[in-house]
Amino acid sequence: MAKIKFLTAQWNNLLMLNYEVDPEILKPYLPPVTELDLWQGKALVSMVGFLFKNTRVFGVKWPMHVDFEEVNLRFYVKYFDGKEWKRGAVFISELVPRRVISVIANSLYNEPYRALPMRHSITPVDANHTEYLYEWMLKGKWNKLGAVVNNQKSAIKPSSAEDFIFEHYWGYNKLRDNSTLEYQVEHVSWQINDVKTAVFDADIVELYGKEFVPYLSAKPYSAFFADGSDIAVRVAGKVTDQL
């Protein structure tokens, strides 16, 4: 039986800057029962900026919490449930502009949400390119994640780098009782746009820790953009080590 949809929304204008990191710095964030999912032997993390639109929690629209920005840092894992491998993501940090979102997510699911003032802009550059920019205020300074994106769309090629990044449909989160929460994200396969130039300027130490500085300060390993689509999140429940 399908689990109840916890959240429905649109995820729009997804910008993803992907960085190669030392796998050792991800191990403290690795939920029980999962293991790192590597791309061609590389451990990748993604800085992701996108827009939540038409958000409903258990079918209800909460005033002032329907449309908002999110910027997160995530990495990739896999979990064998006894029958199949499931490919998912784990979040190191999630920034949103509404405190209620962070309080609920942190309290119920131990999600690493933090509420900060945020804003975004979408600016045409020329006939073929658009600039997308996500910003958040921290210690009196606007941090930013952005890119100039080619307007032309293309399908994701199977087994490509884009396929690895975007086609993770599960989420895993370490709970306080040292078990793991599993949830499923449903959406159609997205089309993608090439990123021409990208920028990430942030207080990495404050947001993610000094161990991430040398990696997130470097040039991204890759960068992708997708328009997004309607999504649904179903909480599947807790998973534990079967051994």
Protein backbone atom coordinates (compact mmCIF):
# COMPACT_ATOMS: atom_id res chain seq x y z
CA MET A 1 0.00 0.00 0.00
CA ALA A 2 1.34 3.43 -0.94
CA LYS A 3 2.28 5.66 1.95
CA ILE A 4 0.36 8.89 2.50
CA LYS A 5 1.70 11.96 0.74
CA PHE A 6 3.24 14.12 3.46
CA LEU A 7 4.04 17.03 1.16
CA THR A 8 3.07 18.13 -2.34
CA ALA A 9 4.50 21.13 -4.16
CA GLN A 10 6.22 22.33 -7.27
CA TRP A 11 9.98 22.44 -7.31
CA ASN A 12 11.03 25.07 -9.85
CA ASN A 13 14.28 26.51 -11.22
CA LEU A 14 16.64 23.96 -9.70
CA LEU A 15 20.29 25.01 -9.88
CA MET A 16 22.85 22.41 -8.82
CA LEU A 17 26.58 23.02 -8.45
CA ASN A 18 28.36 19.74 -7.79
CA TYR A 19 31.71 19.40 -6.02
CA GLU A 20 34.04 16.48 -5.48
CA VAL A 21 34.98 15.97 -1.82
CA ASP A 22 37.00 13.61 0.33
CA PRO A 23 34.55 10.80 1.31
CA GLU A 24 35.84 10.94 4.88
CA ILE A 25 34.17 14.30 5.56
CA LEU A 26 30.76 12.81 4.67
CA LYS A 27 30.93 9.80 6.99
CA PRO A 28 29.73 11.70 10.11
CA TYR A 29 26.53 12.55 8.20
CA LEU A 30 25.93 9.04 6.86
CA PRO A 31 22.65 7.60 8.23
CA PRO A 32 22.71 4.03 9.56
CA VAL A 33 22.07 1.32 6.89
CA THR A 34 23.21 3.58 4.04
CA GLU A 35 26.51 3.79 2.19
CA LEU A 36 28.00 6.41 -0.08
CA ASP A 37 26.83 6.35 -3.69
CA LEU A 38 29.82 7.35 -5.82
CA TRP A 39 29.92 8.76 -9.35
CA GLN A 40 32.77 7.10 -11.24
CA GLY A 41 34.55 6.60 -7.93
CA LYS A 42 34.03 10.20 -6.82
CA ALA A 43 32.12 11.40 -3.74
CA LEU A 44 30.03 14.39 -4.80
CA VAL A 45 28.09 17.00 -2.87
CA SER A 46 25.63 19.41 -4.46
CA MET A 47 24.80 22.99 -3.63
CA VAL A 48 21.16 23.28 -4.68
CA GLY A 49 18.96 26.35 -5.00
CA PHE A 50 15.31 26.13 -6.00
CA LEU A 51 11.81 27.46 -5.42
CA PHE A 52 8.97 25.80 -3.55
CA LYS A 53 5.63 26.70 -5.15
CA ASN A 54 2.05 25.78 -4.21
CA THR A 55 3.24 23.88 -1.15
CA ARG A 56 0.77 21.74 0.78
CA VAL A 57 1.44 19.69 3.92
CA PHE A 58 -1.07 16.85 4.25
CA GLY A 59 -3.12 18.68 1.64
CA VAL A 60 -3.23 21.98 3.54
CA LYS A 61 -1.75 25.28 2.37
CA TRP A 62 -0.27 27.14 5.33
CA PRO A 63 -0.42 30.95 5.01
CA MET A 64 2.95 32.53 4.12
CA HIS A 65 4.46 29.04 3.71
CA VAL A 66 3.24 28.23 0.20
CA ASP A 67 5.92 29.84 -1.99
CA PHE A 68 9.52 30.20 -0.77
CA GLU A 69 13.19 29.61 -1.57
CA GLU A 70 15.41 26.78 -0.39
CA VAL A 71 19.17 26.35 -0.65
CA ASN A 72 20.65 23.07 0.51
CA LEU A 73 23.86 21.07 0.58
CA ARG A 74 23.37 17.35 -0.04
CA PHE A 75 25.27 14.18 -0.89
CA TYR A 76 24.35 10.80 -2.35
CA VAL A 77 23.81 7.42 -0.75
CA LYS A 78 22.34 4.02 -1.49
CA TYR A 79 20.50 1.50 0.67
CA PHE A 80 19.82 -2.20 0.02
CA ASP A 81 16.42 -3.13 1.46
CA GLY A 82 16.90 -6.88 1.00
CA LYS A 83 15.46 -6.86 -2.51
CA GLU A 84 16.86 -3.87 -4.35
CA TRP A 85 19.24 -0.96 -4.10
CA LYS A 86 17.57 2.40 -3.51
CA ARG A 87 19.47 5.54 -4.48
CA GLY A 88 18.89 8.59 -2.32
CA ALA A 89 20.17 11.86 -0.92
CA VAL A 90 21.19 13.03 2.55
CA PHE A 91 21.09 16.69 3.54
CA ILE A 92 23.91 18.40 5.39
CA SER A 93 22.19 21.79 5.50
CA GLU A 94 18.85 23.21 4.34
CA LEU A 95 18.19 26.95 4.34
CA VAL A 96 14.66 28.38 4.17
CA PRO A 97 13.21 31.84 4.89
CA ARG A 98 10.47 30.74 7.30
CA ARG A 99 11.24 29.80 10.91
CA VAL A 100 8.15 27.59 11.27
CA ILE A 101 9.43 25.31 8.50
CA SER A 102 12.76 24.81 10.24
CA VAL A 103 11.21 24.23 13.68
CA ILE A 104 8.77 21.59 12.43
CA ALA A 105 11.33 19.79 10.27
CA ASN A 106 14.00 19.82 12.99
CA SER A 107 11.59 18.67 15.71
CA LEU A 108 9.77 15.91 13.82
CA TYR A 109 12.44 14.56 11.50
CA ASN A 110 15.77 15.88 12.80
CA GLU A 111 16.25 17.62 9.46
CA PRO A 112 19.13 20.17 9.36
CA TYR A 113 16.96 23.21 8.52
CA ARG A 114 17.96 26.76 9.33
CA ALA A 115 15.83 29.88 8.81
CA LEU A 116 17.51 32.95 7.31
CA PRO A 117 16.26 35.94 5.29
CA MET A 118 16.25 34.87 1.64
CA ARG A 119 15.50 36.27 -1.78
CA HIS A 120 15.85 35.27 -5.42
CA SER A 121 15.89 36.85 -8.86
CA ILE A 122 15.39 35.69 -12.44
CA THR A 123 16.95 38.02 -15.00
CA PRO A 124 17.01 37.63 -18.81
CA VAL A 125 20.57 38.09 -20.09
CA ASP A 126 19.94 37.82 -23.82
CA ALA A 127 17.69 35.87 -26.19
CA ASN A 128 19.37 32.58 -25.26
CA HIS A 129 20.35 32.93 -21.60
CA THR A 130 18.80 33.69 -18.20
CA GLU A 131 20.45 34.41 -14.85
CA TYR A 132 19.05 32.70 -11.74
CA LEU A 133 20.23 33.90 -8.34
CA TYR A 134 19.46 32.69 -4.80
CA GLU A 135 20.62 34.78 -1.84
CA TRP A 136 20.47 34.50 1.94
CA MET A 137 21.49 36.93 4.67
CA LEU A 138 24.06 35.71 7.20
CA LYS A 139 25.96 37.93 9.65
CA GLY A 140 24.87 41.05 7.81
CA LYS A 141 26.05 39.84 4.38
CA TRP A 142 24.14 38.46 1.42
CA ASN A 143 25.52 35.04 0.45
CA LYS A 144 24.69 33.85 -3.05
CA LEU A 145 24.31 30.86 -5.34
CA GLY A 146 23.62 31.60 -8.97
CA ALA A 147 24.27 30.91 -12.62
CA VAL A 148 23.69 32.06 -16.16
CA VAL A 149 21.75 29.28 -17.86
CA ASN A 150 21.16 28.41 -21.50
CA ASN A 151 17.43 28.53 -22.23
CA GLN A 152 17.53 25.47 -24.48
CA LYS A 153 16.37 22.25 -22.81
CA SER A 154 17.41 18.66 -23.41
CA ALA A 155 16.50 15.24 -22.04
CA ILE A 156 18.69 13.58 -19.42
CA LYS A 157 20.76 10.81 -21.00
CA PRO A 158 20.72 7.47 -19.15
CA SER A 159 23.89 6.77 -17.14
CA SER A 160 25.11 10.35 -17.60
CA ALA A 161 26.44 12.63 -14.87
CA GLU A 162 23.11 14.48 -14.94
CA ASP A 163 21.27 11.19 -14.53
CA PHE A 164 23.33 10.37 -11.44
CA ILE A 165 22.65 13.74 -9.81
CA PHE A 166 18.96 14.15 -10.60
CA GLU A 167 17.66 10.59 -10.56
CA HIS A 168 17.80 9.98 -6.80
CA TYR A 169 14.23 9.38 -5.67
CA TRP A 170 14.76 8.48 -2.01
CA GLY A 171 15.83 10.49 1.00
CA TYR A 172 17.52 9.23 4.16
CA ASN A 173 17.87 11.05 7.45
CA LYS A 174 19.61 10.04 10.67
CA LEU A 175 17.15 10.25 13.59
CA ARG A 176 18.02 10.97 17.20
CA ASP A 177 17.49 7.32 18.21
CA ASN A 178 20.20 6.35 15.70
CA SER A 179 17.67 4.85 13.30
CA THR A 180 17.13 6.12 9.76
CA LEU A 181 14.06 7.79 8.31
CA GLU A 182 13.33 6.83 4.72
CA TYR A 183 11.12 8.87 2.42
CA GLN A 184 10.30 8.76 -1.27
CA VAL A 185 10.21 11.71 -3.66
CA GLU A 186 8.03 11.39 -6.74
CA HIS A 187 8.37 13.48 -9.87
CA VAL A 188 8.66 13.07 -13.62
CA SER A 189 12.09 12.92 -15.19
CA TRP A 190 13.22 16.51 -15.69
CA GLN A 191 14.70 18.14 -18.73
CA ILE A 192 17.95 20.01 -18.16
CA ASN A 193 19.70 23.17 -19.30
CA ASP A 194 23.43 23.81 -19.64
CA VAL A 195 25.02 26.22 -17.17
CA LYS A 196 27.26 28.82 -18.81
CA THR A 197 28.74 30.50 -15.73
CA ALA A 198 28.12 29.88 -12.02
CA VAL A 199 28.79 31.66 -8.73
CA PHE A 200 28.83 30.46 -5.13
CA ASP A 201 29.88 33.02 -2.52
CA ALA A 202 29.07 32.05 1.06
CA ASP A 203 30.37 31.74 4.62
CA ILE A 204 31.28 28.08 4.23
CA VAL A 205 32.73 27.68 7.73
CA GLU A 206 29.62 29.04 9.44
CA LEU A 207 27.19 27.11 7.27
CA TYR A 208 28.91 23.77 6.70
CA GLY A 209 32.12 23.59 8.71
CA LYS A 210 35.79 24.22 7.98
CA GLU A 211 36.28 20.74 6.52
CA PHE A 212 34.19 21.76 3.49
CA VAL A 213 36.15 24.96 2.74
CA PRO A 214 38.79 23.56 0.34
CA TYR A 215 36.15 21.70 -1.68
CA LEU A 216 33.34 24.25 -1.88
CA SER A 217 35.85 27.02 -2.62
CA ALA A 218 37.06 25.19 -5.73
CA LYS A 219 35.55 25.21 -9.20
CA PRO A 220 32.46 22.93 -9.37
CA TYR A 221 33.00 19.49 -10.84
CA SER A 222 29.79 20.03 -12.82
CA ALA A 223 26.72 22.27 -12.92
CA PHE A 224 23.16 21.59 -14.04
CA PHE A 225 19.82 23.37 -14.18
CA ALA A 226 16.26 22.02 -14.45
CA ASP A 227 12.89 23.72 -14.67
CA GLY A 228 11.43 21.15 -12.23
CA SER A 229 7.87 19.89 -11.88
CA ASP A 230 5.17 18.90 -9.45
CA ILE A 231 6.55 16.67 -6.69
CA ALA A 232 5.18 14.55 -3.86
CA VAL A 233 6.98 13.29 -0.76
CA ARG A 234 5.85 10.10 0.97
CA VAL A 235 7.34 9.14 4.34
CA ALA A 236 8.05 5.41 4.14
CA GLY A 237 9.09 4.99 7.78
CA LYS A 238 12.11 3.96 9.81
CA VAL A 239 14.70 1.50 8.57
CA THR A 240 17.23 -0.29 10.75
CA ASP A 241 20.17 -2.59 10.25
CA GLN A 242 18.84 -6.09 9.65
CA LEU A 243 22.02 -7.82 10.80
